[in-house]
Amino acid sequence: MLEYDISYLIGGFAIYISGAISMIFAYRFGELSVLQPINSMSYVFAAFLAVFILNEKIPTISIVGIILIVSGVIVIGTSSK
């Protein structure tokens, strides 16, 4: 039988819900064309958490992808009104 700690599951749901509520407020007051690309930064945060918490290695192609995501968010974020 698979054993797990339910607190991790509850913590994950709490983080997800807080992120969803934050995005709802951001969509209410911001521009969708700017906010949606910023939402893709969640992949970057997940990769960093995997490295620092789970001690995983990030392949080179993933590092290139992270750089492209961050570059795109910077370009879109600075070109908005």
PDB file of N, CA and C in Angstrom:
ATOM      1  N   MET A   1       0.836  -1.179   0.000  1.00  0.00           N
ATOM      2  CA  MET A   1       0.000   0.000   0.000  1.00  0.00           C
ATOM      3  C   MET A   1       0.882   1.244   0.000  1.00  0.00           C
ATOM      4  N   LEU A   2       0.457   2.243  -0.755  1.00  0.00           N
ATOM      5  CA  LEU A   2       1.208   3.482  -0.884  1.00  0.00           C
ATOM      6  C   LEU A   2       0.975   4.355   0.347  1.00  0.00           C
ATOM      7  N   GLU A   3       2.069   4.753   0.973  1.00  0.00           N
ATOM      8  CA  GLU A   3       1.957   5.622   2.146  1.00  0.00           C
ATOM      9  C   GLU A   3       2.375   7.035   1.751  1.00  0.00           C
ATOM     10  N   TYR A   4       1.627   7.991   2.218  1.00  0.00           N
ATOM     11  CA  TYR A   4       1.953   9.385   1.975  1.00  0.00           C
ATOM     12  C   TYR A   4       1.408  10.227   3.118  1.00  0.00           C
ATOM     13  N   ASP A   5       1.963  11.403   3.212  1.00  0.00           N
ATOM     14  CA  ASP A   5       1.529  12.333   4.254  1.00  0.00           C
ATOM     15  C   ASP A   5       0.471  13.252   3.667  1.00  0.00           C
ATOM     16  N   ILE A   6      -0.708  13.251   4.234  1.00  0.00           N
ATOM     17  CA  ILE A   6      -1.829  14.042   3.724  1.00  0.00           C
ATOM     18  C   ILE A   6      -1.546  15.538   3.798  1.00  0.00           C
ATOM     19  N   SER A   7      -0.627  15.952   4.668  1.00  0.00           N
ATOM     20  CA  SER A   7      -0.329  17.379   4.784  1.00  0.00           C
ATOM     21  C   SER A   7       0.298  17.925   3.506  1.00  0.00           C
ATOM     22  N   TYR A   8       1.072  17.097   2.781  1.00  0.00           N
ATOM     23  CA  TYR A   8       1.625  17.541   1.500  1.00  0.00           C
ATOM     24  C   TYR A   8       0.510  17.795   0.490  1.00  0.00           C
ATOM     25  N   LEU A   9      -0.482  16.937   0.481  1.00  0.00           N
ATOM     26  CA  LEU A   9      -1.608  17.095  -0.424  1.00  0.00           C
ATOM     27  C   LEU A   9      -2.404  18.356  -0.089  1.00  0.00           C
ATOM     28  N   ILE A  10      -2.670  18.563   1.178  1.00  0.00           N
ATOM     29  CA  ILE A  10      -3.403  19.752   1.607  1.00  0.00           C
ATOM     30  C   ILE A  10      -2.588  21.014   1.315  1.00  0.00           C
ATOM     31  N   GLY A  11      -1.291  20.960   1.553  1.00  0.00           N
ATOM     32  CA  GLY A  11      -0.426  22.097   1.242  1.00  0.00           C
ATOM     33  C   GLY A  11      -0.411  22.417  -0.242  1.00  0.00           C
ATOM     34  N   GLY A  12      -0.377  21.383  -1.069  1.00  0.00           N
ATOM     35  CA  GLY A  12      -0.409  21.589  -2.514  1.00  0.00           C
ATOM     36  C   GLY A  12      -1.704  22.229  -2.969  1.00  0.00           C
ATOM     37  N   PHE A  13      -2.819  21.763  -2.422  1.00  0.00           N
ATOM     38  CA  PHE A  13      -4.107  22.373  -2.751  1.00  0.00           C
ATOM     39  C   PHE A  13      -4.162  23.832  -2.295  1.00  0.00           C
ATOM     40  N   ALA A  14      -3.621  24.117  -1.120  1.00  0.00           N
ATOM     41  CA  ALA A  14      -3.628  25.489  -0.607  1.00  0.00           C
ATOM     42  C   ALA A  14      -2.813  26.411  -1.519  1.00  0.00           C
ATOM     43  N   ILE A  15      -1.670  25.942  -1.970  1.00  0.00           N
ATOM     44  CA  ILE A  15      -0.844  26.741  -2.879  1.00  0.00           C
ATOM     45  C   ILE A  15      -1.561  26.949  -4.205  1.00  0.00           C
ATOM     46  N   TYR A  16      -2.187  25.893  -4.724  1.00  0.00           N
ATOM     47  CA  TYR A  16      -2.916  26.007  -5.989  1.00  0.00           C
ATOM     48  C   TYR A  16      -4.071  26.989  -5.874  1.00  0.00           C
ATOM     49  N   ILE A  17      -4.846  26.897  -4.794  1.00  0.00           N
ATOM     50  CA  ILE A  17      -6.000  27.777  -4.609  1.00  0.00           C
ATOM     51  C   ILE A  17      -5.553  29.233  -4.461  1.00  0.00           C
ATOM     52  N   SER A  18      -4.482  29.461  -3.706  1.00  0.00           N
ATOM     53  CA  SER A  18      -4.006  30.840  -3.548  1.00  0.00           C
ATOM     54  C   SER A  18      -3.509  31.401  -4.878  1.00  0.00           C
ATOM     55  N   GLY A  19      -2.868  30.572  -5.693  1.00  0.00           N
ATOM     56  CA  GLY A  19      -2.433  31.022  -7.012  1.00  0.00           C
ATOM     57  C   GLY A  19      -3.602  31.317  -7.930  1.00  0.00           C
ATOM     58  N   ALA A  20      -4.640  30.477  -7.878  1.00  0.00           N
ATOM     59  CA  ALA A  20      -5.821  30.697  -8.709  1.00  0.00           C
ATOM     60  C   ALA A  20      -6.545  31.984  -8.317  1.00  0.00           C
ATOM     61  N   ILE A  21      -6.670  32.220  -7.028  1.00  0.00           N
ATOM     62  CA  ILE A  21      -7.328  33.446  -6.559  1.00  0.00           C
ATOM     63  C   ILE A  21      -6.502  34.674  -6.948  1.00  0.00           C
ATOM     64  N   SER A  22      -5.191  34.569  -6.843  1.00  0.00           N
ATOM     65  CA  SER A  22      -4.323  35.676  -7.244  1.00  0.00           C
ATOM     66  C   SER A  22      -4.484  35.991  -8.725  1.00  0.00           C
ATOM     67  N   MET A  23      -4.568  34.960  -9.555  1.00  0.00           N
ATOM     68  CA  MET A  23      -4.731  35.177 -10.985  1.00  0.00           C
ATOM     69  C   MET A  23      -6.100  35.775 -11.305  1.00  0.00           C
ATOM     70  N   ILE A  24      -7.129  35.384 -10.568  1.00  0.00           N
ATOM     71  CA  ILE A  24      -8.455  35.971 -10.790  1.00  0.00           C
ATOM     72  C   ILE A  24      -8.412  37.479 -10.525  1.00  0.00           C
ATOM     73  N   PHE A  25      -7.778  37.885  -9.432  1.00  0.00           N
ATOM     74  CA  PHE A  25      -7.659  39.315  -9.146  1.00  0.00           C
ATOM     75  C   PHE A  25      -6.780  40.014 -10.178  1.00  0.00           C
ATOM     76  N   ALA A  26      -5.720  39.355 -10.607  1.00  0.00           N
ATOM     77  CA  ALA A  26      -4.842  39.961 -11.609  1.00  0.00           C
ATOM     78  C   ALA A  26      -5.579  40.139 -12.934  1.00  0.00           C
ATOM     79  N   TYR A  27      -6.365  39.145 -13.347  1.00  0.00           N
ATOM     80  CA  TYR A  27      -7.136  39.266 -14.585  1.00  0.00           C
ATOM     81  C   TYR A  27      -8.185  40.367 -14.483  1.00  0.00           C
ATOM     82  N   ARG A  28      -8.666  40.597 -13.289  1.00  0.00           N
ATOM     83  CA  ARG A  28      -9.687  41.626 -13.099  1.00  0.00           C
ATOM     84  C   ARG A  28      -9.112  43.019 -13.322  1.00  0.00           C
ATOM     85  N   PHE A  29      -7.854  43.234 -12.939  1.00  0.00           N
ATOM     86  CA  PHE A  29      -7.281  44.572 -12.994  1.00  0.00           C
ATOM     87  C   PHE A  29      -6.203  44.742 -14.060  1.00  0.00           C
ATOM     88  N   GLY A  30      -5.752  43.667 -14.689  1.00  0.00           N
ATOM     89  CA  GLY A  30      -4.664  43.772 -15.655  1.00  0.00           C
ATOM     90  C   GLY A  30      -5.084  43.391 -17.054  1.00  0.00           C
ATOM     91  N   GLU A  31      -4.140  43.449 -17.954  1.00  0.00           N
ATOM     92  CA  GLU A  31      -4.365  43.092 -19.344  1.00  0.00           C
ATOM     93  C   GLU A  31      -4.096  41.605 -19.544  1.00  0.00           C
ATOM     94  N   LEU A  32      -5.003  40.931 -20.217  1.00  0.00           N
ATOM     95  CA  LEU A  32      -4.855  39.507 -20.451  1.00  0.00           C
ATOM     96  C   LEU A  32      -3.621  39.204 -21.295  1.00  0.00           C
ATOM     97  N   SER A  33      -3.329  40.053 -22.262  1.00  0.00           N
ATOM     98  CA  SER A  33      -2.187  39.817 -23.150  1.00  0.00           C
ATOM     99  C   SER A  33      -0.857  39.886 -22.407  1.00  0.00           C
ATOM    100  N   VAL A  34      -0.832  40.518 -21.259  1.00  0.00           N
ATOM    101  CA  VAL A  34       0.386  40.583 -20.446  1.00  0.00           C
ATOM    102  C   VAL A  34       0.374  39.500 -19.375  1.00  0.00           C
ATOM    103  N   LEU A  35      -0.775  39.292 -18.758  1.00  0.00           N
ATOM    104  CA  LEU A  35      -0.848  38.371 -17.619  1.00  0.00           C
ATOM    105  C   LEU A  35      -0.731  36.896 -18.015  1.00  0.00           C
ATOM    106  N   GLN A  36      -1.266  36.535 -19.144  1.00  0.00           N
ATOM    107  CA  GLN A  36      -1.217  35.121 -19.528  1.00  0.00           C
ATOM    108  C   GLN A  36       0.219  34.629 -19.757  1.00  0.00           C
ATOM    109  N   PRO A  37       1.073  35.380 -20.453  1.00  0.00           N
ATOM    110  CA  PRO A  37       2.475  34.932 -20.547  1.00  0.00           C
ATOM    111  C   PRO A  37       3.184  34.881 -19.197  1.00  0.00           C
ATOM    112  N   ILE A  38       2.844  35.784 -18.297  1.00  0.00           N
ATOM    113  CA  ILE A  38       3.448  35.756 -16.967  1.00  0.00           C
ATOM    114  C   ILE A  38       3.032  34.483 -16.233  1.00  0.00           C
ATOM    115  N   ASN A  39       1.849  33.998 -16.526  1.00  0.00           N
ATOM    116  CA  ASN A  39       1.369  32.753 -15.928  1.00  0.00           C
ATOM    117  C   ASN A  39       2.268  31.562 -16.296  1.00  0.00           C
ATOM    118  N   SER A  40       2.957  31.650 -17.426  1.00  0.00           N
ATOM    119  CA  SER A  40       3.857  30.572 -17.828  1.00  0.00           C
ATOM    120  C   SER A  40       5.105  30.497 -16.947  1.00  0.00           C
ATOM    121  N   MET A  41       5.314  31.498 -16.117  1.00  0.00           N
ATOM    122  CA  MET A  41       6.450  31.459 -15.197  1.00  0.00           C
ATOM    123  C   MET A  41       6.296  30.348 -14.159  1.00  0.00           C
ATOM    124  N   SER A  42       5.102  29.778 -14.047  1.00  0.00           N
ATOM    125  CA  SER A  42       4.910  28.681 -13.102  1.00  0.00           C
ATOM    126  C   SER A  42       5.798  27.489 -13.454  1.00  0.00           C
ATOM    127  N   TYR A  43       6.078  27.306 -14.746  1.00  0.00           N
ATOM    128  CA  TYR A  43       6.985  26.229 -15.156  1.00  0.00           C
ATOM    129  C   TYR A  43       8.403  26.493 -14.672  1.00  0.00           C
ATOM    130  N   VAL A  44       8.800  27.743 -14.688  1.00  0.00           N
ATOM    131  CA  VAL A  44      10.136  28.118 -14.213  1.00  0.00           C
ATOM    132  C   VAL A  44      10.227  27.894 -12.702  1.00  0.00           C
ATOM    133  N   PHE A  45       9.200  28.328 -11.971  1.00  0.00           N
ATOM    134  CA  PHE A  45       9.199  28.125 -10.527  1.00  0.00           C
ATOM    135  C   PHE A  45       9.196  26.638 -10.171  1.00  0.00           C
ATOM    136  N   ALA A  46       8.448  25.841 -10.927  1.00  0.00           N
ATOM    137  CA  ALA A  46       8.410  24.396 -10.668  1.00  0.00           C
ATOM    138  C   ALA A  46       9.779  23.770 -10.891  1.00  0.00           C
ATOM    139  N   ALA A  47      10.478  24.224 -11.911  1.00  0.00           N
ATOM    140  CA  ALA A  47      11.819  23.688 -12.175  1.00  0.00           C
ATOM    141  C   ALA A  47      12.777  24.047 -11.050  1.00  0.00           C
ATOM    142  N   PHE A  48      12.719  25.288 -10.569  1.00  0.00           N
ATOM    143  CA  PHE A  48      13.599  25.694  -9.475  1.00  0.00           C
ATOM    144  C   PHE A  48      13.268  24.950  -8.184  1.00  0.00           C
ATOM    145  N   LEU A  49      11.989  24.749  -7.922  1.00  0.00           N
ATOM    146  CA  LEU A  49      11.614  23.982  -6.735  1.00  0.00           C
ATOM    147  C   LEU A  49      12.098  22.537  -6.839  1.00  0.00           C
ATOM    148  N   ALA A  50      12.038  21.973  -8.034  1.00  0.00           N
ATOM    149  CA  ALA A  50      12.522  20.604  -8.219  1.00  0.00           C
ATOM    150  C   ALA A  50      14.014  20.508  -7.936  1.00  0.00           C
ATOM    151  N   VAL A  51      14.757  21.537  -8.317  1.00  0.00           N
ATOM    152  CA  VAL A  51      16.203  21.528  -8.082  1.00  0.00           C
ATOM    153  C   VAL A  51      16.514  21.701  -6.602  1.00  0.00           C
ATOM    154  N   PHE A  52      15.889  22.696  -5.976  1.00  0.00           N
ATOM    155  CA  PHE A  52      16.251  23.034  -4.603  1.00  0.00           C
ATOM    156  C   PHE A  52      15.622  22.121  -3.554  1.00  0.00           C
ATOM    157  N   ILE A  53      14.430  21.627  -3.811  1.00  0.00           N
ATOM    158  CA  ILE A  53      13.766  20.787  -2.811  1.00  0.00           C
ATOM    159  C   ILE A  53      13.992  19.302  -3.077  1.00  0.00           C
ATOM    160  N   LEU A  54      13.880  18.896  -4.345  1.00  0.00           N
ATOM    161  CA  LEU A  54      13.986  17.469  -4.674  1.00  0.00           C
ATOM    162  C   LEU A  54      15.366  17.058  -5.171  1.00  0.00           C
ATOM    163  N   ASN A  55      16.284  18.030  -5.271  1.00  0.00           N
ATOM    164  CA  ASN A  55      17.652  17.782  -5.737  1.00  0.00           C
ATOM    165  C   ASN A  55      17.695  17.114  -7.116  1.00  0.00           C
ATOM    166  N   GLU A  56      16.812  17.556  -8.002  1.00  0.00           N
ATOM    167  CA  GLU A  56      16.793  17.017  -9.358  1.00  0.00           C
ATOM    168  C   GLU A  56      17.745  17.804 -10.239  1.00  0.00           C
ATOM    169  N   LYS A  57      18.173  17.184 -11.300  1.00  0.00           N
ATOM    170  CA  LYS A  57      19.035  17.833 -12.285  1.00  0.00           C
ATOM    171  C   LYS A  57      18.168  18.330 -13.438  1.00  0.00           C
ATOM    172  N   ILE A  58      18.449  19.545 -13.905  1.00  0.00           N
ATOM    173  CA  ILE A  58      17.717  20.099 -15.041  1.00  0.00           C
ATOM    174  C   ILE A  58      18.558  19.869 -16.296  1.00  0.00           C
ATOM    175  N   PRO A  59      17.982  19.196 -17.297  1.00  0.00           N
ATOM    176  CA  PRO A  59      18.723  18.993 -18.550  1.00  0.00           C
ATOM    177  C   PRO A  59      18.985  20.318 -19.275  1.00  0.00           C
ATOM    178  N   THR A  60      19.972  20.324 -20.118  1.00  0.00           N
ATOM    179  CA  THR A  60      20.358  21.539 -20.844  1.00  0.00           C
ATOM    180  C   THR A  60      19.209  22.082 -21.678  1.00  0.00           C
ATOM    181  N   ILE A  61      18.463  21.224 -22.324  1.00  0.00           N
ATOM    182  CA  ILE A  61      17.352  21.689 -23.160  1.00  0.00           C
ATOM    183  C   ILE A  61      16.279  22.365 -22.311  1.00  0.00           C
ATOM    184  N   SER A  62      16.107  21.921 -21.079  1.00  0.00           N
ATOM    185  CA  SER A  62      15.149  22.573 -20.180  1.00  0.00           C
ATOM    186  C   SER A  62      15.652  23.940 -19.735  1.00  0.00           C
ATOM    187  N   ILE A  63      16.937  24.067 -19.543  1.00  0.00           N
ATOM    188  CA  ILE A  63      17.519  25.367 -19.193  1.00  0.00           C
ATOM    189  C   ILE A  63      17.316  26.352 -20.339  1.00  0.00           C
ATOM    190  N   VAL A  64      17.479  25.877 -21.556  1.00  0.00           N
ATOM    191  CA  VAL A  64      17.230  26.728 -22.726  1.00  0.00           C
ATOM    192  C   VAL A  64      15.760  27.154 -22.755  1.00  0.00           C
ATOM    193  N   GLY A  65      14.859  26.233 -22.472  1.00  0.00           N
ATOM    194  CA  GLY A  65      13.434  26.553 -22.430  1.00  0.00           C
ATOM    195  C   GLY A  65      13.112  27.570 -21.352  1.00  0.00           C
ATOM    196  N   ILE A  66      13.731  27.427 -20.189  1.00  0.00           N
ATOM    197  CA  ILE A  66      13.518  28.379 -19.092  1.00  0.00           C
ATOM    198  C   ILE A  66      14.001  29.766 -19.495  1.00  0.00           C
ATOM    199  N   ILE A  67      15.138  29.835 -20.136  1.00  0.00           N
ATOM    200  CA  ILE A  67      15.668  31.123 -20.597  1.00  0.00           C
ATOM    201  C   ILE A  67      14.723  31.757 -21.613  1.00  0.00           C
ATOM    202  N   LEU A  68      14.173  30.950 -22.513  1.00  0.00           N
ATOM    203  CA  LEU A  68      13.227  31.474 -23.505  1.00  0.00           C
ATOM    204  C   LEU A  68      11.940  31.978 -22.850  1.00  0.00           C
ATOM    205  N   ILE A  69      11.435  31.242 -21.870  1.00  0.00           N
ATOM    206  CA  ILE A  69      10.222  31.675 -21.178  1.00  0.00           C
ATOM    207  C   ILE A  69      10.461  32.992 -20.462  1.00  0.00           C
ATOM    208  N   VAL A  70      11.546  33.083 -19.713  1.00  0.00           N
ATOM    209  CA  VAL A  70      11.848  34.313 -18.965  1.00  0.00           C
ATOM    210  C   VAL A  70      12.067  35.479 -19.935  1.00  0.00           C
ATOM    211  N   SER A  71      12.770  35.241 -21.035  1.00  0.00           N
ATOM    212  CA  SER A  71      12.995  36.297 -22.020  1.00  0.00           C
ATOM    213  C   SER A  71      11.677  36.780 -22.621  1.00  0.00           C
ATOM    214  N   GLY A  72      10.800  35.858 -22.957  1.00  0.00           N
ATOM    215  CA  GLY A  72       9.504  36.241 -23.507  1.00  0.00           C
ATOM    216  C   GLY A  72       8.652  37.023 -22.533  1.00  0.00           C
ATOM    217  N   VAL A  73       8.656  36.624 -21.285  1.00  0.00           N
ATOM    218  CA  VAL A  73       7.893  37.355 -20.272  1.00  0.00           C
ATOM    219  C   VAL A  73       8.463  38.764 -20.095  1.00  0.00           C
ATOM    220  N   ILE A  74       9.764  38.898 -20.121  1.00  0.00           N
ATOM    221  CA  ILE A  74      10.387  40.215 -19.985  1.00  0.00           C
ATOM    222  C   ILE A  74      10.012  41.108 -21.176  1.00  0.00           C
ATOM    223  N   VAL A  75      10.082  40.558 -22.388  1.00  0.00           N
ATOM    224  CA  VAL A  75       9.757  41.343 -23.576  1.00  0.00           C
ATOM    225  C   VAL A  75       8.291  41.779 -23.557  1.00  0.00           C
ATOM    226  N   ILE A  76       7.394  40.861 -23.245  1.00  0.00           N
ATOM    227  CA  ILE A  76       5.971  41.193 -23.227  1.00  0.00           C
ATOM    228  C   ILE A  76       5.644  42.138 -22.074  1.00  0.00           C
ATOM    229  N   GLY A  77       6.263  41.898 -20.924  1.00  0.00           N
ATOM    230  CA  GLY A  77       5.990  42.739 -19.756  1.00  0.00           C
ATOM    231  C   GLY A  77       6.467  44.165 -19.932  1.00  0.00           C
ATOM    232  N   THR A  78       7.594  44.361 -20.593  1.00  0.00           N
ATOM    233  CA  THR A  78       8.111  45.715 -20.769  1.00  0.00           C
ATOM    234  C   THR A  78       7.464  46.444 -21.945  1.00  0.00           C
ATOM    235  N   SER A  79       6.805  45.705 -22.838  1.00  0.00           N
ATOM    236  CA  SER A  79       6.197  46.361 -23.989  1.00  0.00           C
ATOM    237  C   SER A  79       4.744  46.741 -23.749  1.00  0.00           C
ATOM    238  N   SER A  80       4.197  46.414 -22.570  1.00  0.00           N
ATOM    239  CA  SER A  80       2.803  46.759 -22.285  1.00  0.00           C
ATOM    240  C   SER A  80       2.700  48.207 -21.833  1.00  0.00           C
ATOM    241  N   LYS A  81       1.463  48.684 -21.754  1.00  0.00           N
ATOM    242  CA  LYS A  81       1.208  50.071 -21.363  1.00  0.00           C
ATOM    243  C   LYS A  81       1.515  50.313 -19.908  1.00  0.00           C
TER     244      LYS A  81
END
